[in-house]
Amino acid sequence: MARIQLALNVDDLEASIAFYSKLFDTAPAKVESGYANFAITDPALKLVLLENSDDGGTINHLGIEVDSSEAVHSEIARLSDEGLFTEEQINTTCCFATQDKVWVGAPDGEHWEVYTVLADADTFGEPPTLTTGEA
């Protein structure tokens, strides 16, 4: 299983949860303070909402959710072989989950992650330090 992730900045989390619940006809899979995510099956999408006042309507980051740590490590090797700068975060806490992930930065500044969720976590965690435009 792999699906695209779209992480959006939103001004009003509650209003956005109500809207996307109706749009995709599904309830959020997780809601925490300033954070929500939807595991949408059709289309296959992980939608993440991050409450960031005054940044609403912008992309926070993009990703690909994979089903195992082995898949993440395979992507680390593949992306490195392609000459892309990667930032690896193994057994890290992010978005109220323990994850293995790798980040790459696109030429225009978009941040992409390939990740797998290992377990739920009680805290949001730390964002990556990947700088804009690193590729």
Foldseek 3Di string as FASTA:
>chain_A
DKAKEWEFEAQDVVVVQVVVCVVQVHHWPDDDVQKTWRCGVVVGYIYIYGHDHPRGPDTPAMEMEDADPVVQVVVVVVCVVVVFDKDWDQQFAAQQFGKTKIWTAAQQFHIYMYMYGDGGHPDHGDDDPDGGRGD
